[in-house]
Amino acid sequence: MSTSTAPTNRDLPNKYLVVLKRDADMENHLNWLQQRSKDGSSKCEVIVKFDSIKGYGAKLSGPVLDEIARHPDVMMSMLVGDSVVDD
């Protein structure tokens, strides 16, 4: 029997799973993401890449979150806990 508890803010420190569309170019997308962090208004730190689902786990904050949600390469993004995106 497993028990479930609601996540706390400590469990979800701005770590996101981002899944790209099948025809997206991962390296081009990651280069775009890196450019977003250069102005200092957003935090973008890729922690892990998932080739099997064409996606990545990252620490993200700031305006880049909305930009990712609207980006044509992105199928979905979601806030996840440390168990999915460990650093």
C-alpha atoms as a PDB file:
ATOM      1  CA  MET A   1       0.000   0.000   0.000  1.00  0.00           C
ATOM      2  CA  SER A   2       1.449   3.352  -0.957  1.00  0.00           C
ATOM      3  CA  THR A   3       0.644   6.676   0.562  1.00  0.00           C
ATOM      4  CA  SER A   4       0.594   9.977  -1.220  1.00  0.00           C
ATOM      5  CA  THR A   5       1.246  13.404   0.212  1.00  0.00           C
ATOM      6  CA  ALA A   6       0.853  16.784  -1.395  1.00  0.00           C
ATOM      7  CA  PRO A   7       4.123  18.293  -2.588  1.00  0.00           C
ATOM      8  CA  THR A   8       5.547  21.236  -0.716  1.00  0.00           C
ATOM      9  CA  ASN A   9       7.417  24.196  -2.151  1.00  0.00           C
ATOM     10  CA  ARG A  10      10.623  22.561  -0.908  1.00  0.00           C
ATOM     11  CA  ASP A  11       9.882  19.553  -3.126  1.00  0.00           C
ATOM     12  CA  LEU A  12       9.300  21.667  -6.248  1.00  0.00           C
ATOM     13  CA  PRO A  13      12.138  24.196  -6.539  1.00  0.00           C
ATOM     14  CA  ASN A  14      11.385  25.558 -10.030  1.00  0.00           C
ATOM     15  CA  LYS A  15      12.319  22.281 -11.715  1.00  0.00           C
ATOM     16  CA  TYR A  16      10.493  21.596 -14.959  1.00  0.00           C
ATOM     17  CA  LEU A  17      10.200  18.792 -17.449  1.00  0.00           C
ATOM     18  CA  VAL A  18       9.993  20.130 -21.008  1.00  0.00           C
ATOM     19  CA  VAL A  19       8.977  17.810 -23.848  1.00  0.00           C
ATOM     20  CA  LEU A  20       9.627  18.908 -27.415  1.00  0.00           C
ATOM     21  CA  LYS A  21       7.593  18.066 -30.496  1.00  0.00           C
ATOM     22  CA  ARG A  22       8.745  15.142 -32.611  1.00  0.00           C
ATOM     23  CA  ASP A  23      10.098  17.351 -35.417  1.00  0.00           C
ATOM     24  CA  ALA A  24      11.861  19.858 -33.126  1.00  0.00           C
ATOM     25  CA  ASP A  25      15.642  20.151 -33.112  1.00  0.00           C
ATOM     26  CA  MET A  26      16.796  19.675 -29.504  1.00  0.00           C
ATOM     27  CA  GLU A  27      20.177  21.396 -29.910  1.00  0.00           C
ATOM     28  CA  ASN A  28      18.651  24.461 -31.603  1.00  0.00           C
ATOM     29  CA  HIS A  29      16.036  24.665 -28.858  1.00  0.00           C
ATOM     30  CA  LEU A  30      18.665  24.396 -26.101  1.00  0.00           C
ATOM     31  CA  ASN A  31      20.737  27.119 -27.786  1.00  0.00           C
ATOM     32  CA  TRP A  32      17.625  29.322 -27.819  1.00  0.00           C
ATOM     33  CA  LEU A  33      17.094  28.566 -24.121  1.00  0.00           C
ATOM     34  CA  GLN A  34      20.684  29.467 -23.277  1.00  0.00           C
ATOM     35  CA  GLN A  35      20.226  32.854 -24.974  1.00  0.00           C
ATOM     36  CA  ARG A  36      17.191  33.550 -22.762  1.00  0.00           C
ATOM     37  CA  SER A  37      19.319  33.420 -19.603  1.00  0.00           C
ATOM     38  CA  LYS A  38      22.004  35.821 -20.827  1.00  0.00           C
ATOM     39  CA  ASP A  39      20.031  38.981 -19.985  1.00  0.00           C
ATOM     40  CA  GLY A  40      19.698  37.912 -16.336  1.00  0.00           C
ATOM     41  CA  SER A  41      15.899  38.169 -16.130  1.00  0.00           C
ATOM     42  CA  SER A  42      15.391  34.398 -16.371  1.00  0.00           C
ATOM     43  CA  LYS A  43      17.068  31.378 -14.850  1.00  0.00           C
ATOM     44  CA  CYS A  44      17.671  28.527 -17.298  1.00  0.00           C
ATOM     45  CA  GLU A  45      19.787  25.607 -16.147  1.00  0.00           C
ATOM     46  CA  VAL A  46      19.403  22.330 -18.042  1.00  0.00           C
ATOM     47  CA  ILE A  47      20.040  19.467 -15.627  1.00  0.00           C
ATOM     48  CA  VAL A  48      19.330  16.410 -17.750  1.00  0.00           C
ATOM     49  CA  LYS A  49      18.413  15.569 -21.362  1.00  0.00           C
ATOM     50  CA  PHE A  50      15.994  12.763 -22.224  1.00  0.00           C
ATOM     51  CA  ASP A  51      16.604  11.500 -25.758  1.00  0.00           C
ATOM     52  CA  SER A  52      13.864   8.866 -25.498  1.00  0.00           C
ATOM     53  CA  ILE A  53      11.155  11.527 -25.109  1.00  0.00           C
ATOM     54  CA  LYS A  54      13.021  14.395 -26.818  1.00  0.00           C
ATOM     55  CA  GLY A  55      12.988  16.575 -23.776  1.00  0.00           C
ATOM     56  CA  TYR A  56      14.919  17.880 -20.834  1.00  0.00           C
ATOM     57  CA  GLY A  57      14.734  18.670 -17.157  1.00  0.00           C
ATOM     58  CA  ALA A  58      15.743  22.152 -16.084  1.00  0.00           C
ATOM     59  CA  LYS A  59      15.648  24.727 -13.340  1.00  0.00           C
ATOM     60  CA  LEU A  60      13.636  27.587 -14.816  1.00  0.00           C
ATOM     61  CA  SER A  61      12.284  30.863 -13.499  1.00  0.00           C
ATOM     62  CA  GLY A  62      11.311  34.275 -14.779  1.00  0.00           C
ATOM     63  CA  PRO A  63       9.882  35.293 -18.157  1.00  0.00           C
ATOM     64  CA  VAL A  64      11.361  32.228 -19.879  1.00  0.00           C
ATOM     65  CA  LEU A  65       8.535  30.113 -18.418  1.00  0.00           C
ATOM     66  CA  ASP A  66       5.942  31.896 -20.568  1.00  0.00           C
ATOM     67  CA  GLU A  67       8.291  31.884 -23.559  1.00  0.00           C
ATOM     68  CA  ILE A  68       8.721  28.110 -23.293  1.00  0.00           C
ATOM     69  CA  ALA A  69       4.961  27.587 -23.073  1.00  0.00           C
ATOM     70  CA  ARG A  70       4.492  29.539 -26.331  1.00  0.00           C
ATOM     71  CA  HIS A  71       7.568  28.217 -28.156  1.00  0.00           C
ATOM     72  CA  PRO A  72       6.694  26.297 -31.356  1.00  0.00           C
ATOM     73  CA  ASP A  73       9.166  23.488 -30.478  1.00  0.00           C
ATOM     74  CA  VAL A  74       7.465  22.683 -27.171  1.00  0.00           C
ATOM     75  CA  MET A  75       4.752  20.046 -26.866  1.00  0.00           C
ATOM     76  CA  MET A  76       4.404  20.482 -23.079  1.00  0.00           C
ATOM     77  CA  SER A  77       6.140  21.645 -19.940  1.00  0.00           C
ATOM     78  CA  MET A  78       5.330  20.867 -16.337  1.00  0.00           C
ATOM     79  CA  LEU A  79       6.585  21.578 -12.862  1.00  0.00           C
ATOM     80  CA  VAL A  80       8.077  18.399 -11.381  1.00  0.00           C
ATOM     81  CA  GLY A  81       9.669  17.242  -8.149  1.00  0.00           C
ATOM     82  CA  ASP A  82      13.266  16.395  -7.395  1.00  0.00           C
ATOM     83  CA  SER A  83      12.724  12.713  -8.142  1.00  0.00           C
ATOM     84  CA  VAL A  84      12.329  13.456 -11.867  1.00  0.00           C
ATOM     85  CA  VAL A  85      14.927  16.194 -12.313  1.00  0.00           C
ATOM     86  CA  ASP A  86      17.832  15.645  -9.928  1.00  0.00           C
ATOM     87  CA  ASP A  87      20.826  17.934  -9.887  1.00  0.00           C
END
